[in-house]
Amino acid sequence: MDNGKINGKTVTESELLALGYRKYQGQNMDIYYAKDICGHIGNCVKGNPEVFEVGRRPWVIADNGEVLENIKVVDTCPTGALKYIRR
Protein backbone atom coordinates (compact mmCIF):
# COMPACT_ATOMS: atom_id res chain seq x y z
CA MET A 1 0.00 0.00 0.00
CA ASP A 2 1.29 3.48 -0.84
CA ASN A 3 0.29 5.56 2.16
CA GLY A 4 1.71 8.68 0.58
CA LYS A 5 -1.43 8.74 -1.58
CA ILE A 6 -5.21 8.77 -1.31
CA ASN A 7 -7.16 7.31 -4.24
CA GLY A 8 -3.95 7.24 -6.29
CA LYS A 9 -3.17 10.93 -5.77
CA THR A 10 -0.27 12.27 -3.70
CA VAL A 11 -1.66 13.56 -0.42
CA THR A 12 -1.35 17.13 0.75
CA GLU A 13 -1.15 18.39 4.29
CA SER A 14 -4.37 20.37 3.96
CA GLU A 15 -6.26 17.26 2.75
CA LEU A 16 -4.97 15.14 5.61
CA LEU A 17 -5.72 17.74 8.27
CA ALA A 18 -9.23 18.23 6.83
CA LEU A 19 -9.77 14.47 7.10
CA GLY A 20 -8.83 14.53 10.79
CA TYR A 21 -5.24 13.32 10.61
CA ARG A 22 -2.83 14.57 13.25
CA LYS A 23 0.59 15.75 12.08
CA TYR A 24 3.86 14.53 13.59
CA GLN A 25 6.53 16.75 12.09
CA GLY A 26 10.02 15.62 11.28
CA GLN A 27 12.98 17.26 9.61
CA ASN A 28 12.78 15.26 6.36
CA MET A 29 9.24 13.91 6.48
CA ASP A 30 5.98 14.32 8.33
CA ILE A 31 3.90 11.38 9.51
CA TYR A 32 0.14 11.74 9.89
CA TYR A 33 -2.20 9.60 11.97
CA ALA A 34 -5.99 9.24 12.04
CA LYS A 35 -7.04 7.47 15.23
CA ASP A 36 -10.64 7.05 14.08
CA ILE A 37 -9.67 4.68 11.27
CA CYS A 38 -6.83 2.88 13.04
CA GLY A 39 -7.37 -0.88 13.33
CA HIS A 40 -4.72 -1.19 16.09
CA ILE A 41 -3.01 -3.99 14.21
CA GLY A 42 0.40 -2.79 15.39
CA ASN A 43 2.44 -2.98 12.20
CA CYS A 44 3.86 0.46 12.98
CA VAL A 45 4.99 -0.39 16.51
CA LYS A 46 6.39 -3.76 15.42
CA GLY A 47 7.98 -2.16 12.34
CA ASN A 48 9.95 0.49 14.22
CA PRO A 49 9.36 1.03 17.94
CA GLU A 50 11.88 3.89 17.94
CA VAL A 51 9.52 5.91 15.74
CA PHE A 52 6.16 4.51 16.93
CA GLU A 53 5.77 3.96 20.68
CA VAL A 54 2.25 3.93 22.08
CA GLY A 55 3.13 4.81 25.68
CA ARG A 56 5.21 7.87 24.77
CA ARG A 57 4.05 11.43 24.10
CA PRO A 58 4.27 12.19 21.27
CA TRP A 59 3.84 8.59 20.24
CA VAL A 60 5.29 9.25 16.74
CA ILE A 61 8.76 10.77 16.32
CA ALA A 62 9.58 10.73 12.61
CA ASP A 63 13.21 11.77 13.15
CA ASN A 64 13.92 8.59 15.15
CA GLY A 65 14.08 6.67 11.86
CA GLU A 66 15.40 7.04 8.34
CA VAL A 67 12.93 8.37 5.76
CA LEU A 68 12.93 5.25 3.55
CA GLU A 69 12.52 2.94 6.53
CA ASN A 70 9.67 5.09 7.88
CA ILE A 71 7.95 4.92 4.49
CA LYS A 72 8.24 1.11 4.49
CA VAL A 73 6.65 0.93 7.94
CA VAL A 74 3.88 3.44 7.20
CA ASP A 75 3.07 1.58 3.98
CA THR A 76 2.35 -1.57 6.03
CA CYS A 77 -0.63 0.15 7.68
CA PRO A 78 -3.59 -1.69 6.14
CA THR A 79 -6.27 0.84 7.13
CA GLY A 80 -4.53 3.98 5.86
CA ALA A 81 -4.55 5.47 9.37
CA LEU A 82 -0.91 6.39 8.80
CA LYS A 83 0.15 8.65 5.94
CA TYR A 84 3.36 10.49 5.15
CA ILE A 85 4.65 13.47 3.24
CA ARG A 86 8.34 13.77 2.38
CA ARG A 87 9.87 17.22 2.66
PDB file of N, CA and C in Angstrom:
ATOM      1  N   MET A   1       0.846  -1.174   0.000  1.00  0.00           N
ATOM      2  CA  MET A   1       0.000   0.000   0.000  1.00  0.00           C
ATOM      3  C   MET A   1       0.892   1.238   0.000  1.00  0.00           C
ATOM      4  N   ASP A   2       0.542   2.222  -0.803  1.00  0.00           N
ATOM      5  CA  ASP A   2       1.291   3.479  -0.841  1.00  0.00           C
ATOM      6  C   ASP A   2       0.543   4.503   0.005  1.00  0.00           C
ATOM      7  N   ASN A   3       0.973   4.653   1.242  1.00  0.00           N
ATOM      8  CA  ASN A   3       0.287   5.558   2.157  1.00  0.00           C
ATOM      9  C   ASN A   3       0.763   6.994   2.037  1.00  0.00           C
ATOM     10  N   GLY A   4       1.417   7.298   0.927  1.00  0.00           N
ATOM     11  CA  GLY A   4       1.714   8.682   0.580  1.00  0.00           C
ATOM     12  C   GLY A   4       0.654   9.208  -0.378  1.00  0.00           C
ATOM     13  N   LYS A   5      -0.386   8.373  -0.628  1.00  0.00           N
ATOM     14  CA  LYS A   5      -1.434   8.739  -1.578  1.00  0.00           C
ATOM     15  C   LYS A   5      -2.811   8.419  -1.005  1.00  0.00           C
ATOM     16  N   ILE A   6      -3.802   9.079  -1.564  1.00  0.00           N
ATOM     17  CA  ILE A   6      -5.214   8.769  -1.314  1.00  0.00           C
ATOM     18  C   ILE A   6      -5.871   8.678  -2.679  1.00  0.00           C
ATOM     19  N   ASN A   7      -6.506   7.540  -2.942  1.00  0.00           N
ATOM     20  CA  ASN A   7      -7.156   7.308  -4.245  1.00  0.00           C
ATOM     21  C   ASN A   7      -6.205   7.551  -5.412  1.00  0.00           C
ATOM     22  N   GLY A   8      -4.943   7.131  -5.235  1.00  0.00           N
ATOM     23  CA  GLY A   8      -3.953   7.235  -6.293  1.00  0.00           C
ATOM     24  C   GLY A   8      -3.303   8.599  -6.449  1.00  0.00           C
ATOM     25  N   LYS A   9      -3.738   9.593  -5.677  1.00  0.00           N
ATOM     26  CA  LYS A   9      -3.172  10.932  -5.767  1.00  0.00           C
ATOM     27  C   LYS A   9      -2.285  11.209  -4.562  1.00  0.00           C
ATOM     28  N   THR A  10      -1.154  11.879  -4.791  1.00  0.00           N
ATOM     29  CA  THR A  10      -0.267  12.268  -3.699  1.00  0.00           C
ATOM     30  C   THR A  10      -1.029  13.152  -2.721  1.00  0.00           C
ATOM     31  N   VAL A  11      -0.922  12.821  -1.450  1.00  0.00           N
ATOM     32  CA  VAL A  11      -1.657  13.559  -0.423  1.00  0.00           C
ATOM     33  C   VAL A  11      -1.023  14.915  -0.153  1.00  0.00           C
ATOM     34  N   THR A  12      -1.841  15.834   0.304  1.00  0.00           N
ATOM     35  CA  THR A  12      -1.349  17.132   0.748  1.00  0.00           C
ATOM     36  C   THR A  12      -1.670  17.294   2.227  1.00  0.00           C
ATOM     37  N   GLU A  13      -0.921  18.149   2.874  1.00  0.00           N
ATOM     38  CA  GLU A  13      -1.151  18.388   4.291  1.00  0.00           C
ATOM     39  C   GLU A  13      -2.566  18.885   4.553  1.00  0.00           C
ATOM     40  N   SER A  14      -3.034  19.819   3.740  1.00  0.00           N
ATOM     41  CA  SER A  14      -4.372  20.374   3.965  1.00  0.00           C
ATOM     42  C   SER A  14      -5.448  19.299   3.828  1.00  0.00           C
ATOM     43  N   GLU A  15      -5.299  18.373   2.889  1.00  0.00           N
ATOM     44  CA  GLU A  15      -6.255  17.263   2.753  1.00  0.00           C
ATOM     45  C   GLU A  15      -6.259  16.386   3.995  1.00  0.00           C
ATOM     46  N   LEU A  16      -5.061  16.025   4.448  1.00  0.00           N
ATOM     47  CA  LEU A  16      -4.966  15.141   5.606  1.00  0.00           C
ATOM     48  C   LEU A  16      -5.531  15.795   6.863  1.00  0.00           C
ATOM     49  N   LEU A  17      -5.202  17.046   7.091  1.00  0.00           N
ATOM     50  CA  LEU A  17      -5.719  17.739   8.267  1.00  0.00           C
ATOM     51  C   LEU A  17      -7.241  17.879   8.192  1.00  0.00           C
ATOM     52  N   ALA A  18      -7.777  18.132   7.007  1.00  0.00           N
ATOM     53  CA  ALA A  18      -9.229  18.232   6.832  1.00  0.00           C
ATOM     54  C   ALA A  18      -9.924  16.899   7.100  1.00  0.00           C
ATOM     55  N   LEU A  19      -9.216  15.802   6.853  1.00  0.00           N
ATOM     56  CA  LEU A  19      -9.766  14.470   7.096  1.00  0.00           C
ATOM     57  C   LEU A  19      -9.592  14.016   8.544  1.00  0.00           C
ATOM     58  N   GLY A  20      -8.971  14.848   9.376  1.00  0.00           N
ATOM     59  CA  GLY A  20      -8.833  14.529  10.788  1.00  0.00           C
ATOM     60  C   GLY A  20      -7.522  13.878  11.182  1.00  0.00           C
ATOM     61  N   TYR A  21      -6.550  13.868  10.282  1.00  0.00           N
ATOM     62  CA  TYR A  21      -5.239  13.320  10.613  1.00  0.00           C
ATOM     63  C   TYR A  21      -4.493  14.296  11.509  1.00  0.00           C
ATOM     64  N   ARG A  22      -3.693  13.748  12.402  1.00  0.00           N
ATOM     65  CA  ARG A  22      -2.832  14.567  13.250  1.00  0.00           C
ATOM     66  C   ARG A  22      -1.417  14.514  12.682  1.00  0.00           C
ATOM     67  N   LYS A  23      -0.746  15.634  12.670  1.00  0.00           N
ATOM     68  CA  LYS A  23       0.589  15.755  12.077  1.00  0.00           C
ATOM     69  C   LYS A  23       1.670  15.554  13.127  1.00  0.00           C
ATOM     70  N   TYR A  24       2.661  14.718  12.777  1.00  0.00           N
ATOM     71  CA  TYR A  24       3.865  14.531  13.592  1.00  0.00           C
ATOM     72  C   TYR A  24       5.031  14.951  12.702  1.00  0.00           C
ATOM     73  N   GLN A  25       5.552  16.120  12.971  1.00  0.00           N
ATOM     74  CA  GLN A  25       6.529  16.754  12.093  1.00  0.00           C
ATOM     75  C   GLN A  25       7.936  16.237  12.337  1.00  0.00           C
ATOM     76  N   GLY A  26       8.625  15.978  11.237  1.00  0.00           N
ATOM     77  CA  GLY A  26      10.025  15.616  11.282  1.00  0.00           C
ATOM     78  C   GLY A  26      10.821  16.545  10.390  1.00  0.00           C
ATOM     79  N   GLN A  27      12.118  16.389  10.420  1.00  0.00           N
ATOM     80  CA  GLN A  27      12.977  17.260   9.611  1.00  0.00           C
ATOM     81  C   GLN A  27      12.844  16.953   8.119  1.00  0.00           C
ATOM     82  N   ASN A  28      12.796  15.657   7.762  1.00  0.00           N
ATOM     83  CA  ASN A  28      12.781  15.260   6.360  1.00  0.00           C
ATOM     84  C   ASN A  28      11.456  14.674   5.889  1.00  0.00           C
ATOM     85  N   MET A  29      10.562  14.411   6.834  1.00  0.00           N
ATOM     86  CA  MET A  29       9.244  13.907   6.480  1.00  0.00           C
ATOM     87  C   MET A  29       8.296  14.154   7.643  1.00  0.00           C
ATOM     88  N   ASP A  30       7.009  14.229   7.317  1.00  0.00           N
ATOM     89  CA  ASP A  30       5.977  14.321   8.330  1.00  0.00           C
ATOM     90  C   ASP A  30       5.146  13.047   8.263  1.00  0.00           C
ATOM     91  N   ILE A  31       4.755  12.553   9.428  1.00  0.00           N
ATOM     92  CA  ILE A  31       3.898  11.381   9.508  1.00  0.00           C
ATOM     93  C   ILE A  31       2.570  11.850  10.077  1.00  0.00           C
ATOM     94  N   TYR A  32       1.493  11.357   9.492  1.00  0.00           N
ATOM     95  CA  TYR A  32       0.145  11.740   9.886  1.00  0.00           C
ATOM     96  C   TYR A  32      -0.596  10.499  10.373  1.00  0.00           C
ATOM     97  N   TYR A  33      -1.472  10.708  11.362  1.00  0.00           N
ATOM     98  CA  TYR A  33      -2.195   9.597  11.974  1.00  0.00           C
ATOM     99  C   TYR A  33      -3.653   9.974  12.202  1.00  0.00           C
ATOM    100  N   ALA A  34      -4.554   9.061  11.819  1.00  0.00           N
ATOM    101  CA  ALA A  34      -5.990   9.245  12.044  1.00  0.00           C
ATOM    102  C   ALA A  34      -6.473   8.140  12.976  1.00  0.00           C
ATOM    103  N   LYS A  35      -6.664   8.480  14.239  1.00  0.00           N
ATOM    104  CA  LYS A  35      -7.037   7.466  15.229  1.00  0.00           C
ATOM    105  C   LYS A  35      -8.395   6.839  14.946  1.00  0.00           C
ATOM    106  N   ASP A  36      -9.299   7.572  14.320  1.00  0.00           N
ATOM    107  CA  ASP A  36     -10.640   7.055  14.081  1.00  0.00           C
ATOM    108  C   ASP A  36     -10.693   5.918  13.061  1.00  0.00           C
ATOM    109  N   ILE A  37      -9.670   5.790  12.232  1.00  0.00           N
ATOM    110  CA  ILE A  37      -9.668   4.682  11.267  1.00  0.00           C
ATOM    111  C   ILE A  37      -8.608   3.632  11.580  1.00  0.00           C
ATOM    112  N   CYS A  38      -7.882   3.825  12.653  1.00  0.00           N
ATOM    113  CA  CYS A  38      -6.828   2.881  13.036  1.00  0.00           C
ATOM    114  C   CYS A  38      -7.447   1.553  13.477  1.00  0.00           C
ATOM    115  N   GLY A  39      -6.917   0.457  12.946  1.00  0.00           N
ATOM    116  CA  GLY A  39      -7.372  -0.877  13.325  1.00  0.00           C
ATOM    117  C   GLY A  39      -6.557  -1.472  14.457  1.00  0.00           C
ATOM    118  N   HIS A  40      -5.579  -0.749  14.973  1.00  0.00           N
ATOM    119  CA  HIS A  40      -4.724  -1.191  16.088  1.00  0.00           C
ATOM    120  C   HIS A  40      -4.091  -2.554  15.825  1.00  0.00           C
ATOM    121  N   ILE A  41      -3.657  -2.748  14.605  1.00  0.00           N
ATOM    122  CA  ILE A  41      -3.011  -3.992  14.206  1.00  0.00           C
ATOM    123  C   ILE A  41      -1.574  -4.029  14.699  1.00  0.00           C
ATOM    124  N   GLY A  42      -0.930  -2.881  14.796  1.00  0.00           N
ATOM    125  CA  GLY A  42       0.396  -2.786  15.393  1.00  0.00           C
ATOM    126  C   GLY A  42       1.564  -2.924  14.442  1.00  0.00           C
ATOM    127  N   ASN A  43       1.318  -2.884  13.139  1.00  0.00           N
ATOM    128  CA  ASN A  43       2.438  -2.977  12.200  1.00  0.00           C
ATOM    129  C   ASN A  43       3.447  -1.856  12.410  1.00  0.00           C
ATOM    130  N   CYS A  44       2.965  -0.691  12.785  1.00  0.00           N
ATOM    131  CA  CYS A  44       3.856   0.457  12.981  1.00  0.00           C
ATOM    132  C   CYS A  44       4.777   0.219  14.175  1.00  0.00           C
ATOM    133  N   VAL A  45       4.203  -0.174  15.297  1.00  0.00           N
ATOM    134  CA  VAL A  45       4.989  -0.387  16.515  1.00  0.00           C
ATOM    135  C   VAL A  45       5.960  -1.546  16.337  1.00  0.00           C
ATOM    136  N   LYS A  46       5.511  -2.610  15.695  1.00  0.00           N
ATOM    137  CA  LYS A  46       6.394  -3.760  15.419  1.00  0.00           C
ATOM    138  C   LYS A  46       7.453  -3.391  14.384  1.00  0.00           C
ATOM    139  N   GLY A  47       7.076  -2.528  13.430  1.00  0.00           N
ATOM    140  CA  GLY A  47       7.979  -2.157  12.344  1.00  0.00           C
ATOM    141  C   GLY A  47       9.137  -1.287  12.792  1.00  0.00           C
ATOM    142  N   ASN A  48       8.880  -0.347  13.687  1.00  0.00           N
ATOM    143  CA  ASN A  48       9.953   0.492  14.218  1.00  0.00           C
ATOM    144  C   ASN A  48       9.502   1.144  15.524  1.00  0.00           C
ATOM    145  N   PRO A  49       9.778   0.485  16.654  1.00  0.00           N
ATOM    146  CA  PRO A  49       9.364   1.026  17.944  1.00  0.00           C
ATOM    147  C   PRO A  49      10.115   2.296  18.361  1.00  0.00           C
ATOM    148  N   GLU A  50      11.188   2.628  17.661  1.00  0.00           N
ATOM    149  CA  GLU A  50      11.881   3.895  17.939  1.00  0.00           C
ATOM    150  C   GLU A  50      11.059   5.080  17.417  1.00  0.00           C
ATOM    151  N   VAL A  51      10.348   4.867  16.330  1.00  0.00           N
ATOM    152  CA  VAL A  51       9.520   5.910  15.736  1.00  0.00           C
ATOM    153  C   VAL A  51       8.112   5.885  16.330  1.00  0.00           C
ATOM    154  N   PHE A  52       7.539   4.687  16.473  1.00  0.00           N
ATOM    155  CA  PHE A  52       6.162   4.511  16.935  1.00  0.00           C
ATOM    156  C   PHE A  52       6.162   3.801  18.287  1.00  0.00           C
ATOM    157  N   GLU A  53       5.829   4.545  19.343  1.00  0.00           N
ATOM    158  CA  GLU A  53       5.768   3.960  20.682  1.00  0.00           C
ATOM    159  C   GLU A  53       4.509   4.465  21.374  1.00  0.00           C
ATOM    160  N   VAL A  54       3.566   3.561  21.586  1.00  0.00           N
ATOM    161  CA  VAL A  54       2.246   3.927  22.078  1.00  0.00           C
ATOM    162  C   VAL A  54       2.275   4.625  23.432  1.00  0.00           C
ATOM    163  N   GLY A  55       3.123   4.231  24.343  1.00  0.00           N
ATOM    164  CA  GLY A  55       3.134   4.811  25.679  1.00  0.00           C
ATOM    165  C   GLY A  55       3.860   6.135  25.809  1.00  0.00           C
ATOM    166  N   ARG A  56       4.411   6.635  24.738  1.00  0.00           N
ATOM    167  CA  ARG A  56       5.207   7.871  24.765  1.00  0.00           C
ATOM    168  C   ARG A  56       4.375   9.033  24.209  1.00  0.00           C
ATOM    169  N   ARG A  57       4.676  10.232  24.646  1.00  0.00           N
ATOM    170  CA  ARG A  57       4.051  11.433  24.101  1.00  0.00           C
ATOM    171  C   ARG A  57       5.141  12.335  23.545  1.00  0.00           C
ATOM    172  N   PRO A  58       5.166  12.700  22.290  1.00  0.00           N
ATOM    173  CA  PRO A  58       4.272  12.191  21.268  1.00  0.00           C
ATOM    174  C   PRO A  58       4.603  10.740  20.935  1.00  0.00           C
ATOM    175  N   TRP A  59       3.616  10.011  20.489  1.00  0.00           N
ATOM    176  CA  TRP A  59       3.835   8.587  20.238  1.00  0.00           C
ATOM    177  C   TRP A  59       4.535   8.339  18.900  1.00  0.00           C
ATOM    178  N   VAL A  60       4.578   9.358  18.020  1.00  0.00           N
ATOM    179  CA  VAL A  60       5.288   9.251  16.743  1.00  0.00           C
ATOM    180  C   VAL A  60       6.392  10.302  16.719  1.00  0.00           C
ATOM    181  N   ILE A  61       7.625   9.853  16.506  1.00  0.00           N
ATOM    182  CA  ILE A  61       8.757  10.772  16.324  1.00  0.00           C
ATOM    183  C   ILE A  61       9.448  10.365  15.019  1.00  0.00           C
ATOM    184  N   ALA A  62       9.091  11.068  13.947  1.00  0.00           N
ATOM    185  CA  ALA A  62       9.581  10.730  12.610  1.00  0.00           C
ATOM    186  C   ALA A  62      11.098  10.738  12.524  1.00  0.00           C
ATOM    187  N   ASP A  63      11.757  11.646  13.235  1.00  0.00           N
ATOM    188  CA  ASP A  63      13.208  11.772  13.154  1.00  0.00           C
ATOM    189  C   ASP A  63      13.959  10.636  13.842  1.00  0.00           C
ATOM    190  N   ASN A  64      13.255   9.743  14.524  1.00  0.00           N
ATOM    191  CA  ASN A  64      13.919   8.589  15.146  1.00  0.00           C
ATOM    192  C   ASN A  64      14.189   7.468  14.153  1.00  0.00           C
ATOM    193  N   GLY A  65      13.830   7.670  12.896  1.00  0.00           N
ATOM    194  CA  GLY A  65      14.083   6.666  11.862  1.00  0.00           C
ATOM    195  C   GLY A  65      14.472   7.335  10.559  1.00  0.00           C
ATOM    196  N   GLU A  66      15.042   6.552   9.671  1.00  0.00           N
ATOM    197  CA  GLU A  66      15.402   7.043   8.341  1.00  0.00           C
ATOM    198  C   GLU A  66      14.142   7.145   7.484  1.00  0.00           C
ATOM    199  N   VAL A  67      14.113   8.102   6.572  1.00  0.00           N
ATOM    200  CA  VAL A  67      12.931   8.365   5.758  1.00  0.00           C
ATOM    201  C   VAL A  67      12.460   7.110   5.025  1.00  0.00           C
ATOM    202  N   LEU A  68      13.343   6.424   4.332  1.00  0.00           N
ATOM    203  CA  LEU A  68      12.926   5.254   3.551  1.00  0.00           C
ATOM    204  C   LEU A  68      12.406   4.128   4.436  1.00  0.00           C
ATOM    205  N   GLU A  69      13.003   3.954   5.597  1.00  0.00           N
ATOM    206  CA  GLU A  69      12.521   2.938   6.532  1.00  0.00           C
ATOM    207  C   GLU A  69      11.152   3.337   7.079  1.00  0.00           C
ATOM    208  N   ASN A  70      10.974   4.614   7.405  1.00  0.00           N
ATOM    209  CA  ASN A  70       9.675   5.090   7.878  1.00  0.00           C
ATOM    210  C   ASN A  70       8.589   4.859   6.833  1.00  0.00           C
ATOM    211  N   ILE A  71       8.912   5.132   5.576  1.00  0.00           N
ATOM    212  CA  ILE A  71       7.947   4.917   4.493  1.00  0.00           C
ATOM    213  C   ILE A  71       7.555   3.451   4.418  1.00  0.00           C
ATOM    214  N   LYS A  72       8.536   2.554   4.519  1.00  0.00           N
ATOM    215  CA  LYS A  72       8.236   1.111   4.487  1.00  0.00           C
ATOM    216  C   LYS A  72       7.264   0.732   5.600  1.00  0.00           C
ATOM    217  N   VAL A  73       7.504   1.251   6.794  1.00  0.00           N
ATOM    218  CA  VAL A  73       6.650   0.926   7.938  1.00  0.00           C
ATOM    219  C   VAL A  73       5.259   1.524   7.753  1.00  0.00           C
ATOM    220  N   VAL A  74       5.177   2.792   7.393  1.00  0.00           N
ATOM    221  CA  VAL A  74       3.877   3.443   7.199  1.00  0.00           C
ATOM    222  C   VAL A  74       3.080   2.723   6.112  1.00  0.00           C
ATOM    223  N   ASP A  75       3.753   2.278   5.068  1.00  0.00           N
ATOM    224  CA  ASP A  75       3.068   1.576   3.980  1.00  0.00           C
ATOM    225  C   ASP A  75       2.520   0.209   4.395  1.00  0.00           C
ATOM    226  N   THR A  76       2.914  -0.298   5.560  1.00  0.00           N
ATOM    227  CA  THR A  76       2.349  -1.566   6.029  1.00  0.00           C
ATOM    228  C   THR A  76       1.039  -1.367   6.777  1.00  0.00           C
ATOM    229  N   CYS A  77       0.622  -0.134   6.978  1.00  0.00           N
ATOM    230  CA  CYS A  77      -0.635   0.153   7.676  1.00  0.00           C
ATOM    231  C   CYS A  77      -1.800  -0.190   6.743  1.00  0.00           C
ATOM    232  N   PRO A  78      -2.554  -1.244   7.062  1.00  0.00           N
ATOM    233  CA  PRO A  78      -3.594  -1.695   6.140  1.00  0.00           C
ATOM    234  C   PRO A  78      -4.838  -0.812   6.094  1.00  0.00           C
ATOM    235  N   THR A  79      -5.055   0.015   7.104  1.00  0.00           N
ATOM    236  CA  THR A  79      -6.266   0.843   7.133  1.00  0.00           C
ATOM    237  C   THR A  79      -6.058   2.213   6.530  1.00  0.00           C
ATOM    238  N   GLY A  80      -4.802   2.624   6.338  1.00  0.00           N
ATOM    239  CA  GLY A  80      -4.527   3.976   5.865  1.00  0.00           C
ATOM    240  C   GLY A  80      -4.545   5.011   6.975  1.00  0.00           C
ATOM    241  N   ALA A  81      -4.558   4.547   8.223  1.00  0.00           N
ATOM    242  CA  ALA A  81      -4.546   5.471   9.366  1.00  0.00           C
ATOM    243  C   ALA A  81      -3.244   6.237   9.448  1.00  0.00           C
ATOM    244  N   LEU A  82      -2.191   5.690   8.867  1.00  0.00           N
ATOM    245  CA  LEU A  82      -0.906   6.386   8.798  1.00  0.00           C
ATOM    246  C   LEU A  82      -0.655   6.836   7.389  1.00  0.00           C
ATOM    247  N   LYS A  83      -0.229   8.069   7.233  1.00  0.00           N
ATOM    248  CA  LYS A  83       0.153   8.646   5.942  1.00  0.00           C
ATOM    249  C   LYS A  83       1.461   9.393   6.145  1.00  0.00           C
ATOM    250  N   TYR A  84       2.115   9.733   5.055  1.00  0.00           N
ATOM    251  CA  TYR A  84       3.361  10.491   5.153  1.00  0.00           C
ATOM    252  C   TYR A  84       3.477  11.480   4.018  1.00  0.00           C
ATOM    253  N   ILE A  85       4.248  12.508   4.266  1.00  0.00           N
ATOM    254  CA  ILE A  85       4.648  13.473   3.244  1.00  0.00           C
ATOM    255  C   ILE A  85       6.139  13.716   3.421  1.00  0.00           C
ATOM    256  N   ARG A  86       6.883  13.482   2.350  1.00  0.00           N
ATOM    257  CA  ARG A  86       8.337  13.768   2.376  1.00  0.00           C
ATOM    258  C   ARG A  86       8.535  15.262   2.163  1.00  0.00           C
ATOM    259  N   ARG A  87       9.544  15.790   2.827  1.00  0.00           N
ATOM    260  CA  ARG A  87       9.872  17.219   2.659  1.00  0.00           C
ATOM    261  C   ARG A  87      10.909  17.372   1.573  1.00  0.00           C
TER     262      ARG A  87
END
